[in-house]
Protein backbone atom coordinates (compact mmCIF):
# COMPACT_ATOMS: atom_id res chain seq x y z
CA UNK A 1 0.00 0.00 0.00
CA UNK A 2 1.32 3.43 -0.91
CA UNK A 3 1.82 6.13 1.71
CA UNK A 4 -1.06 8.09 0.14
CA UNK A 5 -3.42 5.10 0.36
CA UNK A 6 -2.37 4.41 3.95
CA UNK A 7 -2.96 8.04 4.92
CA UNK A 8 -6.40 7.91 3.27
CA UNK A 9 -7.27 4.67 5.08
CA UNK A 10 -6.14 6.20 8.40
CA UNK A 11 -8.27 9.30 7.88
CA UNK A 12 -11.37 7.38 6.76
CA UNK A 13 -10.94 4.97 9.68
CA UNK A 14 -11.07 7.97 12.03
CA UNK A 15 -14.19 9.35 10.34
CA UNK A 16 -15.99 6.00 10.55
CA UNK A 17 -14.89 5.38 14.12
CA UNK A 18 -16.32 8.75 15.15
CA UNK A 19 -19.71 7.96 13.55
CA UNK A 20 -22.31 7.15 16.17
CA UNK A 21 -23.96 4.35 14.15
CA UNK A 22 -22.55 1.02 13.12
CA UNK A 23 -22.90 0.74 9.42
CA UNK A 24 -21.25 0.12 6.13
CA UNK A 25 -18.40 1.99 4.50
CA UNK A 26 -18.87 2.11 0.73
CA UNK A 27 -16.12 2.74 -1.79
CA UNK A 28 -17.64 4.11 -4.98
CA UNK A 29 -16.12 3.18 -8.34
CA UNK A 30 -13.42 1.00 -6.79
CA UNK A 31 -11.76 0.12 -10.08
CA UNK A 32 -8.57 -1.88 -9.64
CA UNK A 33 -7.51 -0.18 -6.39
CA UNK A 34 -9.15 -2.03 -3.47
CA UNK A 35 -6.25 -1.47 -1.05
CA UNK A 36 -8.00 1.24 1.02
CA UNK A 37 -11.17 -0.87 1.21
CA UNK A 38 -9.05 -3.82 2.36
CA UNK A 39 -7.31 -1.70 5.00
CA UNK A 40 -10.67 -0.51 6.37
CA UNK A 41 -12.00 -4.08 6.46
CA UNK A 42 -8.85 -5.21 8.30
CA UNK A 43 -9.61 -2.54 10.90
CA UNK A 44 -12.99 -4.12 11.56
CA UNK A 45 -15.29 -2.04 9.38
CA UNK A 46 -17.97 -3.54 7.15
CA UNK A 47 -16.91 -2.48 3.66
CA UNK A 48 -18.70 -2.66 0.31
CA UNK A 49 -16.98 -1.72 -2.94
CA UNK A 50 -19.04 -0.77 -5.97
CA UNK A 51 -18.21 -0.32 -9.62
CA UNK A 52 -20.01 -0.30 -12.94
CA UNK A 53 -17.92 -3.37 -13.94
CA UNK A 54 -17.29 -6.57 -12.04
CA UNK A 55 -14.15 -6.22 -9.94
CA UNK A 56 -12.11 -8.52 -7.75
CA UNK A 57 -11.97 -7.41 -4.12
CA UNK A 58 -9.99 -8.82 -1.21
CA UNK A 59 -11.39 -10.99 1.57
CA UNK A 60 -13.46 -8.97 3.99
CA UNK A 61 -14.73 -6.59 1.31
CA UNK A 62 -18.08 -7.19 -0.39
CA UNK A 63 -18.58 -6.20 -4.00
CA UNK A 64 -21.75 -4.91 -5.66
CA UNK A 65 -21.98 -4.03 -9.33
CA UNK A 66 -23.76 -0.67 -9.54
CA UNK A 67 -23.84 2.39 -11.75
CA UNK A 68 -23.47 5.76 -9.99
CA UNK A 69 -25.47 7.40 -12.77
CA UNK A 70 -28.46 5.15 -11.95
CA UNK A 71 -27.69 3.76 -8.50
CA UNK A 72 -29.62 1.08 -6.69
CA UNK A 73 -30.13 3.11 -3.53
CA UNK A 74 -30.75 -0.02 -1.44
CA UNK A 75 -27.05 -0.86 -1.82
CA UNK A 76 -26.17 2.29 0.14
CA UNK A 77 -29.00 2.37 2.70
CA UNK A 78 -26.81 1.27 5.64
CA UNK A 79 -23.84 3.48 4.67
CA UNK A 80 -22.17 5.59 7.33
CA UNK A 81 -19.59 6.83 4.82
CA UNK A 82 -19.21 6.96 1.05
CA UNK A 83 -15.79 7.56 -0.46
CA UNK A 84 -14.13 7.44 -3.84
CA UNK A 85 -10.57 7.63 -5.05
CA UNK A 86 -9.67 9.53 -8.22
CA UNK A 87 -13.32 10.35 -8.82
CA UNK A 88 -13.77 12.14 -12.17
CA UNK A 89 -15.85 15.29 -12.30
CA UNK A 90 -18.72 13.65 -14.17
CA UNK A 91 -19.31 11.24 -11.26
CA UNK A 92 -18.99 13.78 -8.44
CA UNK A 93 -22.51 15.27 -8.66
CA UNK A 94 -24.23 11.87 -8.85
CA UNK A 95 -22.11 10.70 -5.90
CA UNK A 96 -23.07 13.76 -3.86
CA UNK A 97 -26.74 13.25 -4.71
CA UNK A 98 -26.47 9.64 -3.56
CA UNK A 99 -24.73 10.68 -0.32
CA UNK A 100 -27.48 13.18 0.39
CA UNK A 101 -30.17 10.58 -0.29
CA UNK A 102 -28.69 8.07 2.18
CA UNK A 103 -27.57 10.78 4.61
CA UNK A 104 -23.92 9.75 4.63
CA UNK A 105 -20.82 11.91 4.29
CA UNK A 106 -18.93 11.77 1.01
CA UNK A 107 -15.14 11.95 0.83
CA UNK A 108 -13.28 11.94 -2.50
CA UNK A 109 -9.93 12.40 -4.11
CA UNK A 110 -9.81 13.63 -7.69
CA UNK A 111 -7.86 12.78 -10.80
CA UNK A 112 -4.49 14.50 -10.82
CA UNK A 113 -4.81 18.26 -10.60
CA UNK A 114 -8.55 18.23 -11.35
CA UNK A 115 -10.56 20.43 -9.02
CA UNK A 116 -13.82 19.16 -7.54
CA UNK A 117 -17.02 20.24 -9.29
CA UNK A 118 -19.06 19.95 -6.08
CA UNK A 119 -18.86 22.13 -2.95
CA UNK A 120 -16.15 20.71 -0.68
CA UNK A 121 -13.92 21.29 2.29
CA UNK A 122 -10.26 20.43 1.69
CA UNK A 123 -7.92 18.44 3.87
CA UNK A 124 -4.26 17.90 3.07
CA UNK A 125 -3.03 14.31 3.28
CA UNK A 126 0.43 13.08 2.36
CA UNK A 127 0.72 13.14 -1.43
CA UNK A 128 -2.85 14.25 -2.13
CA UNK A 129 -5.85 16.29 -1.06
CA UNK A 130 -8.94 14.73 0.47
CA UNK A 131 -12.22 16.51 -0.21
CA UNK A 132 -15.27 16.25 2.03
CA UNK A 133 -18.43 17.15 0.18
CA UNK A 134 -20.43 19.89 1.84
CA UNK A 135 -23.78 18.19 2.38
CA UNK A 136 -26.00 21.23 1.98
CA UNK A 137 -23.92 23.00 -0.68
CA UNK A 138 -25.33 23.69 -4.11
C-alpha atoms as a PDB file:
ATOM      1  CA  UNK A   1       0.000   0.000   0.000  1.00  0.00           C
ATOM      2  CA  UNK A   2       1.319   3.426  -0.907  1.00  0.00           C
ATOM      3  CA  UNK A   3       1.817   6.133   1.711  1.00  0.00           C
ATOM      4  CA  UNK A   4      -1.058   8.095   0.139  1.00  0.00           C
ATOM      5  CA  UNK A   5      -3.417   5.104   0.355  1.00  0.00           C
ATOM      6  CA  UNK A   6      -2.374   4.409   3.948  1.00  0.00           C
ATOM      7  CA  UNK A   7      -2.965   8.041   4.922  1.00  0.00           C
ATOM      8  CA  UNK A   8      -6.397   7.905   3.272  1.00  0.00           C
ATOM      9  CA  UNK A   9      -7.270   4.671   5.082  1.00  0.00           C
ATOM     10  CA  UNK A  10      -6.139   6.200   8.398  1.00  0.00           C
ATOM     11  CA  UNK A  11      -8.271   9.296   7.884  1.00  0.00           C
ATOM     12  CA  UNK A  12     -11.370   7.384   6.764  1.00  0.00           C
ATOM     13  CA  UNK A  13     -10.943   4.972   9.677  1.00  0.00           C
ATOM     14  CA  UNK A  14     -11.067   7.966  12.029  1.00  0.00           C
ATOM     15  CA  UNK A  15     -14.186   9.346  10.343  1.00  0.00           C
ATOM     16  CA  UNK A  16     -15.994   6.004  10.549  1.00  0.00           C
ATOM     17  CA  UNK A  17     -14.885   5.376  14.124  1.00  0.00           C
ATOM     18  CA  UNK A  18     -16.316   8.746  15.148  1.00  0.00           C
ATOM     19  CA  UNK A  19     -19.706   7.956  13.546  1.00  0.00           C
ATOM     20  CA  UNK A  20     -22.313   7.146  16.167  1.00  0.00           C
ATOM     21  CA  UNK A  21     -23.957   4.353  14.150  1.00  0.00           C
ATOM     22  CA  UNK A  22     -22.551   1.022  13.125  1.00  0.00           C
ATOM     23  CA  UNK A  23     -22.902   0.745   9.419  1.00  0.00           C
ATOM     24  CA  UNK A  24     -21.251   0.118   6.131  1.00  0.00           C
ATOM     25  CA  UNK A  25     -18.397   1.994   4.498  1.00  0.00           C
ATOM     26  CA  UNK A  26     -18.872   2.113   0.727  1.00  0.00           C
ATOM     27  CA  UNK A  27     -16.120   2.743  -1.789  1.00  0.00           C
ATOM     28  CA  UNK A  28     -17.643   4.107  -4.981  1.00  0.00           C
ATOM     29  CA  UNK A  29     -16.124   3.177  -8.341  1.00  0.00           C
ATOM     30  CA  UNK A  30     -13.420   1.002  -6.786  1.00  0.00           C
ATOM     31  CA  UNK A  31     -11.760   0.124 -10.081  1.00  0.00           C
ATOM     32  CA  UNK A  32      -8.569  -1.876  -9.645  1.00  0.00           C
ATOM     33  CA  UNK A  33      -7.510  -0.184  -6.388  1.00  0.00           C
ATOM     34  CA  UNK A  34      -9.153  -2.030  -3.470  1.00  0.00           C
ATOM     35  CA  UNK A  35      -6.252  -1.471  -1.046  1.00  0.00           C
ATOM     36  CA  UNK A  36      -8.001   1.245   1.017  1.00  0.00           C
ATOM     37  CA  UNK A  37     -11.174  -0.874   1.208  1.00  0.00           C
ATOM     38  CA  UNK A  38      -9.051  -3.823   2.361  1.00  0.00           C
ATOM     39  CA  UNK A  39      -7.310  -1.705   5.003  1.00  0.00           C
ATOM     40  CA  UNK A  40     -10.670  -0.512   6.367  1.00  0.00           C
ATOM     41  CA  UNK A  41     -11.999  -4.079   6.458  1.00  0.00           C
ATOM     42  CA  UNK A  42      -8.853  -5.211   8.296  1.00  0.00           C
ATOM     43  CA  UNK A  43      -9.608  -2.542  10.902  1.00  0.00           C
ATOM     44  CA  UNK A  44     -12.989  -4.124  11.561  1.00  0.00           C
ATOM     45  CA  UNK A  45     -15.292  -2.036   9.379  1.00  0.00           C
ATOM     46  CA  UNK A  46     -17.975  -3.537   7.154  1.00  0.00           C
ATOM     47  CA  UNK A  47     -16.910  -2.481   3.655  1.00  0.00           C
ATOM     48  CA  UNK A  48     -18.697  -2.663   0.310  1.00  0.00           C
ATOM     49  CA  UNK A  49     -16.980  -1.719  -2.936  1.00  0.00           C
ATOM     50  CA  UNK A  50     -19.040  -0.767  -5.973  1.00  0.00           C
ATOM     51  CA  UNK A  51     -18.214  -0.321  -9.622  1.00  0.00           C
ATOM     52  CA  UNK A  52     -20.010  -0.298 -12.944  1.00  0.00           C
ATOM     53  CA  UNK A  53     -17.925  -3.367 -13.938  1.00  0.00           C
ATOM     54  CA  UNK A  54     -17.294  -6.573 -12.043  1.00  0.00           C
ATOM     55  CA  UNK A  55     -14.153  -6.217  -9.937  1.00  0.00           C
ATOM     56  CA  UNK A  56     -12.110  -8.519  -7.746  1.00  0.00           C
ATOM     57  CA  UNK A  57     -11.970  -7.412  -4.122  1.00  0.00           C
ATOM     58  CA  UNK A  58      -9.986  -8.820  -1.208  1.00  0.00           C
ATOM     59  CA  UNK A  59     -11.388 -10.988   1.566  1.00  0.00           C
ATOM     60  CA  UNK A  60     -13.464  -8.968   3.994  1.00  0.00           C
ATOM     61  CA  UNK A  61     -14.732  -6.587   1.307  1.00  0.00           C
ATOM     62  CA  UNK A  62     -18.081  -7.191  -0.394  1.00  0.00           C
ATOM     63  CA  UNK A  63     -18.576  -6.195  -4.005  1.00  0.00           C
ATOM     64  CA  UNK A  64     -21.752  -4.908  -5.662  1.00  0.00           C
ATOM     65  CA  UNK A  65     -21.977  -4.026  -9.331  1.00  0.00           C
ATOM     66  CA  UNK A  66     -23.764  -0.669  -9.538  1.00  0.00           C
ATOM     67  CA  UNK A  67     -23.843   2.393 -11.749  1.00  0.00           C
ATOM     68  CA  UNK A  68     -23.466   5.757  -9.994  1.00  0.00           C
ATOM     69  CA  UNK A  69     -25.467   7.396 -12.766  1.00  0.00           C
ATOM     70  CA  UNK A  70     -28.461   5.151 -11.954  1.00  0.00           C
ATOM     71  CA  UNK A  71     -27.686   3.760  -8.504  1.00  0.00           C
ATOM     72  CA  UNK A  72     -29.623   1.082  -6.688  1.00  0.00           C
ATOM     73  CA  UNK A  73     -30.130   3.107  -3.529  1.00  0.00           C
ATOM     74  CA  UNK A  74     -30.755  -0.020  -1.445  1.00  0.00           C
ATOM     75  CA  UNK A  75     -27.045  -0.863  -1.821  1.00  0.00           C
ATOM     76  CA  UNK A  76     -26.174   2.286   0.139  1.00  0.00           C
ATOM     77  CA  UNK A  77     -29.002   2.372   2.698  1.00  0.00           C
ATOM     78  CA  UNK A  78     -26.807   1.272   5.642  1.00  0.00           C
ATOM     79  CA  UNK A  79     -23.841   3.477   4.672  1.00  0.00           C
ATOM     80  CA  UNK A  80     -22.169   5.595   7.331  1.00  0.00           C
ATOM     81  CA  UNK A  81     -19.594   6.833   4.817  1.00  0.00           C
ATOM     82  CA  UNK A  82     -19.210   6.962   1.048  1.00  0.00           C
ATOM     83  CA  UNK A  83     -15.792   7.560  -0.460  1.00  0.00           C
ATOM     84  CA  UNK A  84     -14.134   7.442  -3.841  1.00  0.00           C
ATOM     85  CA  UNK A  85     -10.575   7.628  -5.054  1.00  0.00           C
ATOM     86  CA  UNK A  86      -9.671   9.527  -8.218  1.00  0.00           C
ATOM     87  CA  UNK A  87     -13.320  10.349  -8.824  1.00  0.00           C
ATOM     88  CA  UNK A  88     -13.767  12.137 -12.167  1.00  0.00           C
ATOM     89  CA  UNK A  89     -15.852  15.290 -12.300  1.00  0.00           C
ATOM     90  CA  UNK A  90     -18.719  13.649 -14.169  1.00  0.00           C
ATOM     91  CA  UNK A  91     -19.308  11.243 -11.259  1.00  0.00           C
ATOM     92  CA  UNK A  92     -18.990  13.784  -8.443  1.00  0.00           C
ATOM     93  CA  UNK A  93     -22.506  15.271  -8.661  1.00  0.00           C
ATOM     94  CA  UNK A  94     -24.234  11.865  -8.847  1.00  0.00           C
ATOM     95  CA  UNK A  95     -22.111  10.701  -5.896  1.00  0.00           C
ATOM     96  CA  UNK A  96     -23.071  13.760  -3.856  1.00  0.00           C
ATOM     97  CA  UNK A  97     -26.744  13.247  -4.713  1.00  0.00           C
ATOM     98  CA  UNK A  98     -26.472   9.642  -3.556  1.00  0.00           C
ATOM     99  CA  UNK A  99     -24.728  10.678  -0.319  1.00  0.00           C
ATOM    100  CA  UNK A 100     -27.484  13.184   0.394  1.00  0.00           C
ATOM    101  CA  UNK A 101     -30.167  10.578  -0.295  1.00  0.00           C
ATOM    102  CA  UNK A 102     -28.693   8.070   2.175  1.00  0.00           C
ATOM    103  CA  UNK A 103     -27.571  10.780   4.614  1.00  0.00           C
ATOM    104  CA  UNK A 104     -23.918   9.745   4.625  1.00  0.00           C
ATOM    105  CA  UNK A 105     -20.822  11.914   4.293  1.00  0.00           C
ATOM    106  CA  UNK A 106     -18.930  11.771   1.010  1.00  0.00           C
ATOM    107  CA  UNK A 107     -15.138  11.951   0.825  1.00  0.00           C
ATOM    108  CA  UNK A 108     -13.280  11.944  -2.498  1.00  0.00           C
ATOM    109  CA  UNK A 109      -9.929  12.397  -4.107  1.00  0.00           C
ATOM    110  CA  UNK A 110      -9.809  13.629  -7.689  1.00  0.00           C
ATOM    111  CA  UNK A 111      -7.860  12.775 -10.802  1.00  0.00           C
ATOM    112  CA  UNK A 112      -4.486  14.503 -10.819  1.00  0.00           C
ATOM    113  CA  UNK A 113      -4.806  18.263 -10.599  1.00  0.00           C
ATOM    114  CA  UNK A 114      -8.549  18.231 -11.353  1.00  0.00           C
ATOM    115  CA  UNK A 115     -10.555  20.429  -9.023  1.00  0.00           C
ATOM    116  CA  UNK A 116     -13.824  19.155  -7.537  1.00  0.00           C
ATOM    117  CA  UNK A 117     -17.017  20.237  -9.286  1.00  0.00           C
ATOM    118  CA  UNK A 118     -19.061  19.952  -6.084  1.00  0.00           C
ATOM    119  CA  UNK A 119     -18.863  22.129  -2.946  1.00  0.00           C
ATOM    120  CA  UNK A 120     -16.148  20.709  -0.678  1.00  0.00           C
ATOM    121  CA  UNK A 121     -13.924  21.287   2.291  1.00  0.00           C
ATOM    122  CA  UNK A 122     -10.262  20.433   1.689  1.00  0.00           C
ATOM    123  CA  UNK A 123      -7.923  18.442   3.875  1.00  0.00           C
ATOM    124  CA  UNK A 124      -4.263  17.898   3.072  1.00  0.00           C
ATOM    125  CA  UNK A 125      -3.030  14.312   3.283  1.00  0.00           C
ATOM    126  CA  UNK A 126       0.428  13.076   2.364  1.00  0.00           C
ATOM    127  CA  UNK A 127       0.723  13.139  -1.428  1.00  0.00           C
ATOM    128  CA  UNK A 128      -2.853  14.252  -2.129  1.00  0.00           C
ATOM    129  CA  UNK A 129      -5.851  16.294  -1.062  1.00  0.00           C
ATOM    130  CA  UNK A 130      -8.941  14.734   0.466  1.00  0.00           C
ATOM    131  CA  UNK A 131     -12.223  16.509  -0.210  1.00  0.00           C
ATOM    132  CA  UNK A 132     -15.275  16.252   2.029  1.00  0.00           C
ATOM    133  CA  UNK A 133     -18.430  17.151   0.175  1.00  0.00           C
ATOM    134  CA  UNK A 134     -20.428  19.893   1.838  1.00  0.00           C
ATOM    135  CA  UNK A 135     -23.782  18.188   2.382  1.00  0.00           C
ATOM    136  CA  UNK A 136     -26.002  21.228   1.977  1.00  0.00           C
ATOM    137  CA  UNK A 137     -23.920  23.005  -0.679  1.00  0.00           C
ATOM    138  CA  UNK A 138     -25.328  23.685  -4.109  1.00  0.00           C
END
